Amino acid sequence: MARLTKLDRMSAEEKAAESNRFWAANDSAQFPPETVAIVLGLSLSWLQNKRTNGGGIPFFKPDGRKIIYYLKADVIDYINKNKLKHTA
């Protein structure tokens, strides 16, 4: 059986609160992958894959630690760059 991620253990209310916290923050605010995954509706494994293979949202690791952070401005920029005008 697969191990539950932090997202799997969060209730819908906790996810909504985290999304609200993201949108209320200023553009220089830093957020962990869990928050970004909630806001974008993506999985943690998708974010990890993009960090490893490229093509994702810019991120940083403060002081070389294992923890990952994304800037809100970078997440917003990623959203804006990936808007679709049509599906064909």
C-alpha atoms as a PDB file:
ATOM      1  CA  MET A   1       0.000   0.000   0.000  1.00  0.00           C
ATOM      2  CA  ALA A   2       1.337   3.439  -0.945  1.00  0.00           C
ATOM      3  CA  ARG A   3       2.269   5.877   1.773  1.00  0.00           C
ATOM      4  CA  LEU A   4      -0.131   8.813   2.136  1.00  0.00           C
ATOM      5  CA  THR A   5       1.265  12.216   1.234  1.00  0.00           C
ATOM      6  CA  LYS A   6       0.654  15.343   3.250  1.00  0.00           C
ATOM      7  CA  LEU A   7      -2.005  16.276   0.683  1.00  0.00           C
ATOM      8  CA  ASP A   8      -3.785  12.951   1.146  1.00  0.00           C
ATOM      9  CA  ARG A   9      -3.997  13.582   4.881  1.00  0.00           C
ATOM     10  CA  MET A  10      -5.480  17.091   4.488  1.00  0.00           C
ATOM     11  CA  SER A  11      -9.228  17.673   4.643  1.00  0.00           C
ATOM     12  CA  ALA A  12     -11.049  19.675   1.983  1.00  0.00           C
ATOM     13  CA  GLU A  13     -11.351  22.535   4.481  1.00  0.00           C
ATOM     14  CA  GLU A  14      -7.600  22.537   5.139  1.00  0.00           C
ATOM     15  CA  LYS A  15      -6.898  22.562   1.414  1.00  0.00           C
ATOM     16  CA  ALA A  16      -9.306  25.472   0.898  1.00  0.00           C
ATOM     17  CA  ALA A  17      -7.668  27.389   3.750  1.00  0.00           C
ATOM     18  CA  GLU A  18      -4.227  26.788   2.251  1.00  0.00           C
ATOM     19  CA  SER A  19      -5.423  27.985  -1.158  1.00  0.00           C
ATOM     20  CA  ASN A  20      -6.907  31.113   0.444  1.00  0.00           C
ATOM     21  CA  ARG A  21      -3.622  31.751   2.273  1.00  0.00           C
ATOM     22  CA  PHE A  22      -1.766  31.552  -1.048  1.00  0.00           C
ATOM     23  CA  TRP A  23      -4.057  33.990  -2.856  1.00  0.00           C
ATOM     24  CA  ALA A  24      -4.063  36.456   0.067  1.00  0.00           C
ATOM     25  CA  ALA A  25      -0.246  36.541   0.294  1.00  0.00           C
ATOM     26  CA  ASN A  26       1.985  39.066  -1.435  1.00  0.00           C
ATOM     27  CA  ASP A  27       3.916  38.082  -4.560  1.00  0.00           C
ATOM     28  CA  SER A  28       7.180  37.578  -2.675  1.00  0.00           C
ATOM     29  CA  ALA A  29       5.659  34.995  -0.304  1.00  0.00           C
ATOM     30  CA  GLN A  30       7.241  31.530  -0.256  1.00  0.00           C
ATOM     31  CA  PHE A  31       5.204  28.333  -0.338  1.00  0.00           C
ATOM     32  CA  PRO A  32       6.002  24.611  -0.068  1.00  0.00           C
ATOM     33  CA  PRO A  33       5.132  22.175  -2.867  1.00  0.00           C
ATOM     34  CA  GLU A  34       1.964  21.054  -1.072  1.00  0.00           C
ATOM     35  CA  THR A  35       0.453  24.534  -1.320  1.00  0.00           C
ATOM     36  CA  VAL A  36       1.431  24.906  -4.977  1.00  0.00           C
ATOM     37  CA  ALA A  37      -0.060  21.496  -5.766  1.00  0.00           C
ATOM     38  CA  ILE A  38      -3.340  22.529  -4.119  1.00  0.00           C
ATOM     39  CA  VAL A  39      -3.494  25.858  -5.945  1.00  0.00           C
ATOM     40  CA  LEU A  40      -2.678  24.361  -9.353  1.00  0.00           C
ATOM     41  CA  GLY A  41      -4.575  21.108  -8.894  1.00  0.00           C
ATOM     42  CA  LEU A  42      -1.426  19.086  -9.543  1.00  0.00           C
ATOM     43  CA  SER A  43       0.178  16.176  -7.745  1.00  0.00           C
ATOM     44  CA  LEU A  44       3.322  16.412  -5.658  1.00  0.00           C
ATOM     45  CA  SER A  45       4.915  13.837  -7.953  1.00  0.00           C
ATOM     46  CA  TRP A  46       4.255  16.083 -10.989  1.00  0.00           C
ATOM     47  CA  LEU A  47       6.023  18.989  -9.273  1.00  0.00           C
ATOM     48  CA  GLN A  48       8.922  16.716  -8.279  1.00  0.00           C
ATOM     49  CA  ASN A  49       9.202  15.361 -11.812  1.00  0.00           C
ATOM     50  CA  LYS A  50       9.372  18.898 -13.221  1.00  0.00           C
ATOM     51  CA  ARG A  51      11.998  19.900 -10.641  1.00  0.00           C
ATOM     52  CA  THR A  52      14.093  16.916 -11.715  1.00  0.00           C
ATOM     53  CA  ASN A  53      13.564  16.972 -15.474  1.00  0.00           C
ATOM     54  CA  GLY A  54      12.885  20.659 -16.106  1.00  0.00           C
ATOM     55  CA  GLY A  55       9.945  22.533 -17.551  1.00  0.00           C
ATOM     56  CA  GLY A  56       8.279  23.375 -14.267  1.00  0.00           C
ATOM     57  CA  ILE A  57       8.039  26.307 -11.916  1.00  0.00           C
ATOM     58  CA  PRO A  58      11.280  27.863 -10.646  1.00  0.00           C
ATOM     59  CA  PHE A  59      12.028  26.807  -7.049  1.00  0.00           C
ATOM     60  CA  PHE A  60      14.701  27.238  -4.430  1.00  0.00           C
ATOM     61  CA  LYS A  61      16.216  25.317  -1.547  1.00  0.00           C
ATOM     62  CA  PRO A  62      17.263  27.689   1.234  1.00  0.00           C
ATOM     63  CA  ASP A  63      20.751  27.004   2.560  1.00  0.00           C
ATOM     64  CA  GLY A  64      20.941  23.788   0.521  1.00  0.00           C
ATOM     65  CA  ARG A  65      18.468  22.036   2.819  1.00  0.00           C
ATOM     66  CA  LYS A  66      16.073  19.386   1.575  1.00  0.00           C
ATOM     67  CA  ILE A  67      13.028  21.641   1.842  1.00  0.00           C
ATOM     68  CA  ILE A  68      11.697  23.213  -1.370  1.00  0.00           C
ATOM     69  CA  TYR A  69       9.945  26.562  -1.750  1.00  0.00           C
ATOM     70  CA  TYR A  70       8.235  28.349  -4.605  1.00  0.00           C
ATOM     71  CA  LEU A  71       7.641  32.097  -4.847  1.00  0.00           C
ATOM     72  CA  LYS A  72       4.036  33.116  -5.398  1.00  0.00           C
ATOM     73  CA  ALA A  73       5.129  35.399  -8.272  1.00  0.00           C
ATOM     74  CA  ASP A  74       6.734  32.419 -10.057  1.00  0.00           C
ATOM     75  CA  VAL A  75       3.583  30.335  -9.630  1.00  0.00           C
ATOM     76  CA  ILE A  76       1.432  33.166 -11.023  1.00  0.00           C
ATOM     77  CA  ASP A  77       3.872  33.570 -13.925  1.00  0.00           C
ATOM     78  CA  TYR A  78       3.634  29.837 -14.652  1.00  0.00           C
ATOM     79  CA  ILE A  79      -0.180  30.060 -14.661  1.00  0.00           C
ATOM     80  CA  ASN A  80      -0.119  33.018 -17.043  1.00  0.00           C
ATOM     81  CA  LYS A  81       2.365  31.379 -19.421  1.00  0.00           C
ATOM     82  CA  ASN A  82       0.255  28.224 -19.644  1.00  0.00           C
ATOM     83  CA  LYS A  83      -3.115  29.786 -20.462  1.00  0.00           C
ATOM     84  CA  LEU A  84      -4.840  28.242 -23.455  1.00  0.00           C
ATOM     85  CA  LYS A  85      -6.764  30.223 -26.055  1.00  0.00           C
ATOM     86  CA  HIS A  86      -8.267  27.138 -27.682  1.00  0.00           C
ATOM     87  CA  THR A  87      -8.006  23.358 -27.627  1.00  0.00           C
ATOM     88  CA  ALA A  88      -7.377  22.734 -31.317  1.00  0.00           C
END
